[in-house]
Amino acid sequence: MNDFAKLPGMHLTEIGRGVFLLEPSRSLDISAQDELVVAVLARLQQAEASKLYYDLAALPLIEPLYYQWLNRLARACGAINAGMVCINFQPTAAFALAHHMETPPAFSAALSIRERA
């Protein structure tokens, strides 16, 4: 069992060769960002991942701390040569995110996985 399996609030699935989907639940505790990033990166490196889709469908609002978390994870993914794409933004989350952004985010965005950003 890897360290990722021990972290509550996240479900990480390989959906294609080197492509992963991360589905956070509302119970995800982003106050432990370092531990979460290390666990996600360990799994991605193990599988030689090239892309991580981060599903925001369950998140109705993105506040500054969550935006910081998304950027931190995206920069870490970039360090291992894996791009991060946030998908399934709810309109309220997209609006809130736009309000908090002062610089372009470290991640890209797409409507869904089908869009293949």
Protein backbone atom coordinates (compact mmCIF):
# COMPACT_ATOMS: atom_id res chain seq x y z
CA MET A 1 0.00 0.00 0.00
CA ASN A 2 1.40 3.42 -0.91
CA ASP A 3 1.25 6.56 1.23
CA PHE A 4 -1.48 8.02 -0.97
CA ALA A 5 -3.94 5.36 0.07
CA LYS A 6 -3.63 6.61 3.66
CA LEU A 7 -4.69 10.17 2.88
CA PRO A 8 -8.40 10.85 3.38
CA GLY A 9 -10.27 13.13 1.05
CA MET A 10 -8.56 12.19 -2.23
CA HIS A 11 -9.16 9.59 -4.87
CA LEU A 12 -6.43 9.20 -7.50
CA THR A 13 -7.09 7.01 -10.53
CA GLU A 14 -4.98 6.23 -13.55
CA ILE A 15 -7.33 6.79 -16.50
CA GLY A 16 -4.85 6.25 -19.29
CA ARG A 17 -1.20 5.61 -19.85
CA GLY A 18 0.46 8.27 -17.71
CA VAL A 19 -2.79 10.21 -17.25
CA PHE A 20 -4.36 10.49 -13.81
CA LEU A 21 -7.59 11.89 -12.38
CA LEU A 22 -7.56 13.35 -8.87
CA GLU A 23 -11.00 13.65 -7.30
CA PRO A 24 -10.92 15.48 -3.98
CA SER A 25 -13.84 15.16 -1.61
CA ARG A 26 -15.16 17.85 0.68
CA SER A 27 -13.24 16.19 3.51
CA LEU A 28 -9.87 16.98 1.91
CA ASP A 29 -7.75 18.83 4.50
CA ILE A 30 -5.43 21.13 2.57
CA SER A 31 -3.79 22.42 5.76
CA ALA A 32 -1.31 19.54 5.32
CA GLN A 33 -0.29 20.65 1.82
CA ASP A 34 3.29 19.38 1.98
CA GLU A 35 2.23 15.85 2.92
CA LEU A 36 -0.46 15.83 0.24
CA VAL A 37 1.89 17.06 -2.49
CA VAL A 38 4.54 14.48 -1.60
CA ALA A 39 1.98 11.66 -1.64
CA VAL A 40 0.50 12.70 -4.99
CA LEU A 41 3.92 13.19 -6.59
CA ALA A 42 5.16 9.83 -5.33
CA ARG A 43 2.27 8.08 -7.08
CA LEU A 44 2.65 10.12 -10.26
CA GLN A 45 6.39 9.48 -10.44
CA GLN A 46 5.89 5.77 -9.79
CA ALA A 47 3.62 5.60 -12.85
CA GLU A 48 5.73 8.00 -14.94
CA ALA A 49 2.72 10.29 -15.26
CA SER A 50 2.55 13.02 -17.86
CA LYS A 51 -0.74 14.65 -16.87
CA LEU A 52 -2.93 15.11 -13.80
CA TYR A 53 -6.55 16.14 -14.15
CA TYR A 54 -7.87 17.74 -10.95
CA ASP A 55 -11.67 17.47 -10.79
CA LEU A 56 -13.30 20.49 -9.16
CA ALA A 57 -16.91 19.35 -9.68
CA ALA A 58 -17.57 18.99 -5.94
CA LEU A 59 -16.14 22.41 -5.08
CA PRO A 60 -18.70 25.23 -5.24
CA LEU A 61 -16.20 27.90 -4.18
CA ILE A 62 -12.46 28.45 -4.45
CA GLU A 63 -11.07 30.65 -1.70
CA PRO A 64 -7.46 31.99 -1.59
CA LEU A 65 -6.09 29.07 0.46
CA TYR A 66 -7.51 26.52 -1.98
CA TYR A 67 -6.14 28.53 -4.91
CA GLN A 68 -2.72 28.44 -3.22
CA TRP A 69 -3.06 24.66 -2.85
CA LEU A 70 -3.91 24.22 -6.54
CA ASN A 71 -0.93 26.33 -7.57
CA ARG A 72 1.43 24.51 -5.22
CA LEU A 73 0.36 21.11 -6.55
CA ALA A 74 0.57 22.31 -10.17
CA ARG A 75 4.11 23.68 -9.69
CA ALA A 76 5.17 20.43 -8.04
CA CYS A 77 3.67 18.44 -10.93
CA GLY A 78 5.59 20.65 -13.33
CA ALA A 79 8.79 19.82 -11.48
CA ILE A 80 8.31 16.16 -12.40
CA ASN A 81 7.27 17.05 -15.96
CA ALA A 82 3.59 16.33 -15.48
CA GLY A 83 1.06 18.99 -16.43
CA MET A 84 -1.95 19.70 -14.25
CA VAL A 85 -5.35 20.56 -15.69
CA CYS A 86 -8.27 21.63 -13.51
CA ILE A 87 -11.60 20.44 -14.88
CA ASN A 88 -15.34 20.68 -14.13
CA PHE A 89 -15.37 24.15 -12.60
CA GLN A 90 -18.73 25.12 -11.17
CA PRO A 91 -19.67 28.66 -12.26
CA THR A 92 -19.41 29.96 -8.69
CA ALA A 93 -15.95 28.41 -8.30
CA ALA A 94 -14.74 29.88 -11.60
CA PHE A 95 -16.04 33.31 -10.58
CA ALA A 96 -14.33 33.12 -7.18
CA LEU A 97 -11.11 31.90 -8.74
CA ALA A 98 -11.09 34.80 -11.20
CA HIS A 99 -11.56 37.17 -8.27
CA HIS A 100 -8.48 35.82 -6.42
CA MET A 101 -6.12 35.57 -9.39
CA GLU A 102 -3.53 38.32 -9.63
CA THR A 103 -1.23 36.34 -11.92
CA PRO A 104 -1.89 33.44 -14.27
CA PRO A 105 -2.29 30.15 -12.41
CA ALA A 106 0.33 27.39 -12.54
CA PHE A 107 -2.31 25.00 -13.90
CA SER A 108 -4.37 25.00 -17.06
CA ALA A 109 -8.13 24.58 -17.23
CA ALA A 110 -10.54 22.59 -19.38
CA LEU A 111 -14.25 21.90 -19.33
CA SER A 112 -13.70 18.17 -18.91
CA ILE A 113 -11.27 15.35 -19.59
CA ARG A 114 -12.83 14.95 -23.03
CA GLU A 115 -11.51 18.37 -23.97
CA ARG A 116 -7.95 17.03 -23.44
CA ALA A 117 -6.24 20.30 -22.63
